[in-house]
Amino acid sequence: QVAIAFVMGSMPFLAQPMLSAIVYLWSREYADQIVSIFGLFNVQAFYFPWVLLGIRVLMGQSPLDDLVGIISGHILYFAEDVQGLSLAAPAFLRDLLDGPAAVPAEARNRNAFGRYAWGGGGQRLGG
C-alpha cells in the first residue's frame, strides 16, 4: 500500500485502504457467509468489498482508496493462501513492536542470585 500511495502521490493517509484490505481478506476467508447490508439486502461475503466500493461511489466519493486496499489485500491473499508463501514482518520491526523476548520457563521463578523466588510474604500461622 505504501508503494502504491507513493506512486499515486495523492494518498496521504492509508486508513481506508488498510480497512478495505482487512475486509477483503475477511471476505476471502468467509466467502460463503451471508452479510446483511444495512438490513436492506443480503450479499455473499465474497462480494462484500465490492458492495462497499459501490456504496462509496454512490455516495459521491472516489473509489481509489478502496481499490488500493482490495488490490493489496488480494496480493497478500494470493501470496499466502494460493502460493503458500509464509510472509512475516522484518525482525527489527517484530522486536520493536512485540516487546522483550519471553523468559524461559526455568528462569521465571529465580531471583537475582539464581535462587528460587518463592514470592509474597505469606501468612503467619496461628495468630
N, C-alpha and C. Protein backbone atom coordinates (compact mmCIF):
# COMPACT_ATOMS: atom_id res chain seq x y z
N GLN A 1 0.81 -1.19 0.00
CA GLN A 1 0.00 0.00 0.00
C GLN A 1 0.86 1.25 0.00
N VAL A 2 1.94 1.21 0.73
CA VAL A 2 2.81 2.38 0.79
C VAL A 2 3.41 2.65 -0.59
N ALA A 3 3.82 1.61 -1.29
CA ALA A 3 4.40 1.79 -2.62
C ALA A 3 3.36 2.36 -3.59
N ILE A 4 2.15 1.85 -3.53
CA ILE A 4 1.09 2.36 -4.42
C ILE A 4 0.77 3.81 -4.07
N ALA A 5 0.70 4.13 -2.78
CA ALA A 5 0.41 5.50 -2.36
C ALA A 5 1.53 6.44 -2.79
N PHE A 6 2.78 5.96 -2.75
CA PHE A 6 3.90 6.80 -3.17
C PHE A 6 3.83 7.10 -4.66
N VAL A 7 3.50 6.07 -5.45
CA VAL A 7 3.41 6.26 -6.89
C VAL A 7 2.26 7.20 -7.24
N MET A 8 1.14 7.06 -6.56
CA MET A 8 -0.01 7.89 -6.87
C MET A 8 0.16 9.31 -6.36
N GLY A 9 0.81 9.47 -5.23
CA GLY A 9 1.11 10.79 -4.70
C GLY A 9 -0.04 11.53 -4.07
N SER A 10 -1.25 11.04 -4.16
CA SER A 10 -2.39 11.78 -3.63
C SER A 10 -3.06 11.07 -2.46
N MET A 11 -2.36 10.16 -1.81
CA MET A 11 -2.95 9.41 -0.70
C MET A 11 -2.10 9.61 0.56
N PRO A 12 -2.36 10.69 1.30
CA PRO A 12 -1.53 10.93 2.49
C PRO A 12 -1.84 9.98 3.64
N PHE A 13 -3.06 9.47 3.73
CA PHE A 13 -3.45 8.57 4.81
C PHE A 13 -3.86 7.23 4.22
N LEU A 14 -3.46 6.16 4.87
CA LEU A 14 -3.76 4.83 4.36
C LEU A 14 -4.76 4.08 5.23
N ALA A 15 -5.56 4.79 6.01
CA ALA A 15 -6.51 4.13 6.89
C ALA A 15 -7.59 3.40 6.09
N GLN A 16 -8.20 4.08 5.12
CA GLN A 16 -9.26 3.46 4.34
C GLN A 16 -8.75 2.28 3.51
N PRO A 17 -7.61 2.40 2.83
CA PRO A 17 -7.10 1.22 2.12
C PRO A 17 -6.79 0.05 3.04
N MET A 18 -6.28 0.33 4.25
CA MET A 18 -5.99 -0.75 5.20
C MET A 18 -7.28 -1.45 5.63
N LEU A 19 -8.32 -0.68 5.90
CA LEU A 19 -9.60 -1.28 6.26
C LEU A 19 -10.17 -2.09 5.10
N SER A 20 -10.03 -1.60 3.89
CA SER A 20 -10.52 -2.34 2.72
C SER A 20 -9.75 -3.64 2.53
N ALA A 21 -8.44 -3.62 2.81
CA ALA A 21 -7.64 -4.84 2.70
C ALA A 21 -8.09 -5.86 3.74
N ILE A 22 -8.35 -5.40 4.96
CA ILE A 22 -8.81 -6.32 6.02
C ILE A 22 -10.17 -6.90 5.66
N VAL A 23 -11.07 -6.07 5.15
CA VAL A 23 -12.39 -6.56 4.73
C VAL A 23 -12.24 -7.56 3.59
N TYR A 24 -11.34 -7.29 2.66
CA TYR A 24 -11.12 -8.22 1.54
C TYR A 24 -10.60 -9.56 2.04
N LEU A 25 -9.62 -9.53 2.94
CA LEU A 25 -9.08 -10.80 3.48
C LEU A 25 -10.15 -11.55 4.25
N TRP A 26 -10.97 -10.84 5.02
CA TRP A 26 -12.05 -11.50 5.74
C TRP A 26 -13.04 -12.12 4.76
N SER A 27 -13.35 -11.39 3.68
CA SER A 27 -14.34 -11.90 2.72
C SER A 27 -13.83 -13.14 2.01
N ARG A 28 -12.53 -13.25 1.83
CA ARG A 28 -11.97 -14.46 1.21
C ARG A 28 -11.99 -15.63 2.18
N GLU A 29 -11.78 -15.34 3.46
CA GLU A 29 -11.77 -16.41 4.46
C GLU A 29 -13.17 -16.96 4.70
N TYR A 30 -14.17 -16.10 4.69
CA TYR A 30 -15.55 -16.50 4.95
C TYR A 30 -16.41 -16.23 3.72
N ALA A 31 -16.00 -16.73 2.58
CA ALA A 31 -16.62 -16.42 1.30
C ALA A 31 -18.09 -16.85 1.22
N ASP A 32 -18.48 -17.89 1.92
CA ASP A 32 -19.85 -18.40 1.81
C ASP A 32 -20.82 -17.77 2.80
N GLN A 33 -20.34 -16.96 3.70
CA GLN A 33 -21.20 -16.35 4.70
C GLN A 33 -22.07 -15.27 4.06
N ILE A 34 -23.28 -15.12 4.57
CA ILE A 34 -24.21 -14.11 4.08
C ILE A 34 -24.10 -12.87 4.96
N VAL A 35 -23.98 -11.70 4.34
CA VAL A 35 -23.83 -10.44 5.06
C VAL A 35 -25.01 -9.54 4.70
N SER A 36 -25.60 -8.93 5.72
CA SER A 36 -26.71 -8.01 5.50
C SER A 36 -26.16 -6.59 5.34
N ILE A 37 -26.60 -5.91 4.31
CA ILE A 37 -26.18 -4.54 4.06
C ILE A 37 -27.28 -3.59 4.55
N PHE A 38 -27.04 -2.96 5.69
CA PHE A 38 -27.98 -2.01 6.30
C PHE A 38 -29.37 -2.60 6.48
N GLY A 39 -29.50 -3.89 6.54
CA GLY A 39 -30.79 -4.53 6.70
C GLY A 39 -31.66 -4.46 5.46
N LEU A 40 -31.12 -3.96 4.35
CA LEU A 40 -31.91 -3.81 3.13
C LEU A 40 -31.80 -5.01 2.21
N PHE A 41 -30.60 -5.54 2.05
CA PHE A 41 -30.40 -6.70 1.19
C PHE A 41 -29.21 -7.50 1.68
N ASN A 42 -29.18 -8.74 1.28
CA ASN A 42 -28.12 -9.66 1.70
C ASN A 42 -27.20 -9.95 0.52
N VAL A 43 -25.92 -10.07 0.82
CA VAL A 43 -24.93 -10.46 -0.20
C VAL A 43 -24.03 -11.53 0.39
N GLN A 44 -23.42 -12.27 -0.49
CA GLN A 44 -22.44 -13.25 -0.06
C GLN A 44 -21.18 -12.49 0.33
N ALA A 45 -20.48 -12.95 1.37
CA ALA A 45 -19.31 -12.24 1.88
C ALA A 45 -18.23 -12.08 0.81
N PHE A 46 -18.18 -12.98 -0.15
CA PHE A 46 -17.21 -12.90 -1.23
C PHE A 46 -17.33 -11.58 -1.99
N TYR A 47 -18.55 -11.04 -2.12
CA TYR A 47 -18.80 -9.80 -2.86
C TYR A 47 -18.84 -8.56 -1.97
N PHE A 48 -18.70 -8.73 -0.68
CA PHE A 48 -18.86 -7.63 0.27
C PHE A 48 -17.91 -6.44 0.01
N PRO A 49 -16.60 -6.65 -0.26
CA PRO A 49 -15.74 -5.49 -0.53
C PRO A 49 -16.19 -4.70 -1.76
N TRP A 50 -16.71 -5.41 -2.74
CA TRP A 50 -17.16 -4.73 -3.96
C TRP A 50 -18.46 -3.97 -3.72
N VAL A 51 -19.31 -4.48 -2.85
CA VAL A 51 -20.53 -3.76 -2.48
C VAL A 51 -20.17 -2.48 -1.73
N LEU A 52 -19.20 -2.57 -0.81
CA LEU A 52 -18.77 -1.37 -0.10
C LEU A 52 -18.17 -0.35 -1.06
N LEU A 53 -17.44 -0.82 -2.05
CA LEU A 53 -16.88 0.06 -3.08
C LEU A 53 -18.01 0.75 -3.85
N GLY A 54 -19.04 -0.01 -4.20
CA GLY A 54 -20.19 0.56 -4.91
C GLY A 54 -20.92 1.59 -4.07
N ILE A 55 -21.09 1.32 -2.78
CA ILE A 55 -21.75 2.27 -1.89
C ILE A 55 -20.94 3.55 -1.81
N ARG A 56 -19.63 3.40 -1.74
CA ARG A 56 -18.75 4.58 -1.68
C ARG A 56 -18.89 5.45 -2.94
N VAL A 57 -18.99 4.79 -4.10
CA VAL A 57 -19.16 5.53 -5.36
C VAL A 57 -20.53 6.19 -5.40
N LEU A 58 -21.58 5.48 -4.94
CA LEU A 58 -22.92 6.06 -4.92
C LEU A 58 -23.01 7.28 -4.02
N MET A 59 -22.16 7.32 -2.99
CA MET A 59 -22.15 8.47 -2.09
C MET A 59 -21.30 9.62 -2.64
N GLY A 60 -20.73 9.44 -3.83
CA GLY A 60 -20.00 10.51 -4.48
C GLY A 60 -18.53 10.61 -4.13
N GLN A 61 -17.98 9.58 -3.53
CA GLN A 61 -16.57 9.61 -3.17
C GLN A 61 -15.75 8.83 -4.19
N SER A 62 -14.46 9.02 -4.13
CA SER A 62 -13.55 8.34 -5.04
C SER A 62 -13.38 6.88 -4.63
N PRO A 63 -13.41 5.96 -5.59
CA PRO A 63 -13.22 4.54 -5.27
C PRO A 63 -11.75 4.16 -5.14
N LEU A 64 -10.85 5.13 -5.30
CA LEU A 64 -9.43 4.85 -5.36
C LEU A 64 -8.90 4.21 -4.07
N ASP A 65 -9.29 4.73 -2.92
CA ASP A 65 -8.81 4.17 -1.65
C ASP A 65 -9.22 2.71 -1.50
N ASP A 66 -10.50 2.43 -1.79
CA ASP A 66 -10.97 1.05 -1.67
C ASP A 66 -10.27 0.14 -2.66
N LEU A 67 -10.04 0.63 -3.87
CA LEU A 67 -9.36 -0.21 -4.86
C LEU A 67 -7.93 -0.53 -4.45
N VAL A 68 -7.23 0.43 -3.88
CA VAL A 68 -5.87 0.17 -3.39
C VAL A 68 -5.90 -0.90 -2.30
N GLY A 69 -6.87 -0.82 -1.39
CA GLY A 69 -6.99 -1.82 -0.33
C GLY A 69 -7.34 -3.19 -0.88
N ILE A 70 -8.25 -3.25 -1.84
CA ILE A 70 -8.64 -4.53 -2.42
C ILE A 70 -7.46 -5.14 -3.17
N ILE A 71 -6.72 -4.34 -3.91
CA ILE A 71 -5.57 -4.86 -4.65
C ILE A 71 -4.50 -5.37 -3.69
N SER A 72 -4.18 -4.58 -2.65
CA SER A 72 -3.15 -5.03 -1.71
C SER A 72 -3.62 -6.25 -0.92
N GLY A 73 -4.90 -6.30 -0.57
CA GLY A 73 -5.43 -7.48 0.11
C GLY A 73 -5.37 -8.71 -0.78
N HIS A 74 -5.65 -8.53 -2.07
CA HIS A 74 -5.59 -9.66 -2.99
C HIS A 74 -4.16 -10.14 -3.18
N ILE A 75 -3.20 -9.23 -3.21
CA ILE A 75 -1.80 -9.64 -3.32
C ILE A 75 -1.39 -10.48 -2.11
N LEU A 76 -1.78 -10.05 -0.92
CA LEU A 76 -1.47 -10.82 0.29
C LEU A 76 -2.19 -12.16 0.27
N TYR A 77 -3.46 -12.17 -0.10
CA TYR A 77 -4.22 -13.42 -0.16
C TYR A 77 -3.58 -14.39 -1.16
N PHE A 78 -3.23 -13.89 -2.33
CA PHE A 78 -2.64 -14.73 -3.36
C PHE A 78 -1.30 -15.30 -2.91
N ALA A 79 -0.48 -14.46 -2.29
CA ALA A 79 0.85 -14.91 -1.86
C ALA A 79 0.76 -15.97 -0.76
N GLU A 80 -0.11 -15.75 0.24
CA GLU A 80 -0.16 -16.67 1.37
C GLU A 80 -1.04 -17.88 1.14
N ASP A 81 -2.24 -17.67 0.64
CA ASP A 81 -3.19 -18.78 0.53
C ASP A 81 -3.06 -19.57 -0.76
N VAL A 82 -2.80 -18.91 -1.86
CA VAL A 82 -2.73 -19.61 -3.14
C VAL A 82 -1.33 -20.17 -3.37
N GLN A 83 -0.31 -19.33 -3.20
CA GLN A 83 1.06 -19.76 -3.46
C GLN A 83 1.71 -20.45 -2.27
N GLY A 84 1.18 -20.25 -1.07
CA GLY A 84 1.71 -20.91 0.11
C GLY A 84 2.95 -20.26 0.71
N LEU A 85 3.22 -19.01 0.36
CA LEU A 85 4.36 -18.31 0.93
C LEU A 85 4.05 -17.92 2.37
N SER A 86 5.06 -17.93 3.19
CA SER A 86 4.89 -17.51 4.58
C SER A 86 5.52 -16.13 4.73
N LEU A 87 4.69 -15.11 4.78
CA LEU A 87 5.18 -13.74 4.88
C LEU A 87 5.22 -13.33 6.34
N ALA A 88 6.29 -12.66 6.73
CA ALA A 88 6.43 -12.21 8.11
C ALA A 88 7.04 -10.81 8.11
N ALA A 89 6.83 -10.11 9.19
CA ALA A 89 7.41 -8.78 9.33
C ALA A 89 8.92 -8.90 9.51
N PRO A 90 9.67 -7.88 9.13
CA PRO A 90 11.12 -7.92 9.35
C PRO A 90 11.44 -8.06 10.84
N ALA A 91 12.58 -8.67 11.15
CA ALA A 91 12.94 -8.97 12.53
C ALA A 91 13.03 -7.72 13.39
N PHE A 92 13.60 -6.63 12.86
CA PHE A 92 13.74 -5.42 13.68
C PHE A 92 12.37 -4.85 14.04
N LEU A 93 11.40 -4.98 13.14
CA LEU A 93 10.06 -4.47 13.42
C LEU A 93 9.34 -5.36 14.43
N ARG A 94 9.51 -6.66 14.30
CA ARG A 94 8.92 -7.59 15.28
C ARG A 94 9.48 -7.33 16.66
N ASP A 95 10.81 -7.15 16.76
CA ASP A 95 11.44 -6.90 18.06
C ASP A 95 10.97 -5.58 18.65
N LEU A 96 10.79 -4.59 17.79
CA LEU A 96 10.36 -3.28 18.25
C LEU A 96 8.93 -3.30 18.78
N LEU A 97 8.03 -4.00 18.08
CA LEU A 97 6.62 -3.98 18.44
C LEU A 97 6.19 -5.07 19.42
N ASP A 98 6.88 -6.20 19.41
CA ASP A 98 6.48 -7.30 20.28
C ASP A 98 6.97 -7.16 21.71
N GLY A 99 7.94 -6.31 21.96
CA GLY A 99 8.47 -6.14 23.30
C GLY A 99 9.57 -7.15 23.58
N PRO A 100 9.92 -7.30 24.86
CA PRO A 100 11.03 -8.19 25.20
C PRO A 100 10.68 -9.66 24.92
N ALA A 101 11.71 -10.44 24.69
CA ALA A 101 11.52 -11.87 24.42
C ALA A 101 10.99 -12.57 25.66
N ALA A 102 10.33 -13.67 25.45
CA ALA A 102 9.76 -14.45 26.56
C ALA A 102 10.89 -15.03 27.42
N VAL A 103 10.65 -15.06 28.72
CA VAL A 103 11.62 -15.61 29.66
C VAL A 103 11.47 -17.13 29.66
N PRO A 104 12.58 -17.87 29.57
CA PRO A 104 12.48 -19.34 29.61
C PRO A 104 11.82 -19.82 30.91
N ALA A 105 11.15 -20.96 30.86
CA ALA A 105 10.39 -21.47 32.00
C ALA A 105 11.27 -21.70 33.22
N GLU A 106 12.49 -22.18 33.03
CA GLU A 106 13.34 -22.47 34.19
C GLU A 106 13.86 -21.21 34.87
N ALA A 107 13.79 -20.06 34.21
CA ALA A 107 14.29 -18.82 34.79
C ALA A 107 13.18 -17.95 35.36
N ARG A 108 11.94 -18.34 35.24
CA ARG A 108 10.83 -17.48 35.67
C ARG A 108 10.81 -17.26 37.17
N ASN A 109 11.05 -18.30 37.96
CA ASN A 109 10.93 -18.19 39.41
C ASN A 109 12.29 -18.07 40.09
N ARG A 110 13.23 -17.45 39.45
CA ARG A 110 14.56 -17.27 40.04
C ARG A 110 14.75 -15.81 40.40
N ASN A 111 15.42 -15.57 41.51
CA ASN A 111 15.72 -14.20 41.88
C ASN A 111 17.05 -13.78 41.26
N ALA A 112 17.54 -12.63 41.62
CA ALA A 112 18.76 -12.09 41.02
C ALA A 112 19.98 -12.95 41.30
N PHE A 113 19.96 -13.76 42.37
CA PHE A 113 21.11 -14.58 42.74
C PHE A 113 20.99 -16.02 42.23
N GLY A 114 19.95 -16.30 41.47
CA GLY A 114 19.80 -17.63 40.90
C GLY A 114 19.02 -18.59 41.79
N ARG A 115 18.61 -18.11 42.95
CA ARG A 115 17.84 -18.97 43.86
C ARG A 115 16.36 -18.84 43.55
N TYR A 116 15.59 -19.78 44.06
CA TYR A 116 14.17 -19.78 43.80
C TYR A 116 13.50 -18.61 44.51
N ALA A 117 12.66 -17.89 43.81
CA ALA A 117 11.92 -16.77 44.39
C ALA A 117 10.55 -17.29 44.75
N TRP A 118 10.31 -17.45 46.02
CA TRP A 118 9.05 -18.02 46.49
C TRP A 118 7.90 -17.05 46.33
N GLY A 119 8.18 -15.79 46.25
CA GLY A 119 7.14 -14.80 46.03
C GLY A 119 6.31 -14.54 47.26
N GLY A 120 5.87 -13.34 47.45
CA GLY A 120 4.96 -12.98 48.53
C GLY A 120 5.57 -13.21 49.90
N GLY A 121 5.00 -12.62 50.92
CA GLY A 121 5.48 -12.79 52.28
C GLY A 121 4.77 -13.91 53.00
N GLY A 122 3.68 -14.41 52.43
CA GLY A 122 2.94 -15.48 53.08
C GLY A 122 2.08 -14.96 54.23
N GLN A 123 1.50 -15.89 54.99
CA GLN A 123 0.67 -15.52 56.13
C GLN A 123 1.16 -16.25 57.36
N ARG A 124 1.07 -15.60 58.44
CA ARG A 124 1.53 -16.18 59.72
C ARG A 124 0.50 -17.18 60.21
N LEU A 125 0.97 -18.32 60.67
CA LEU A 125 0.07 -19.36 61.17
C LEU A 125 -0.24 -19.15 62.64
N GLY A 126 -1.46 -19.43 63.01
CA GLY A 126 -1.86 -19.43 64.41
C GLY A 126 -1.98 -18.05 65.04
N GLY A 127 -2.13 -17.04 64.30
CA GLY A 127 -2.24 -15.83 65.05
C GLY A 127 -2.45 -14.63 64.27
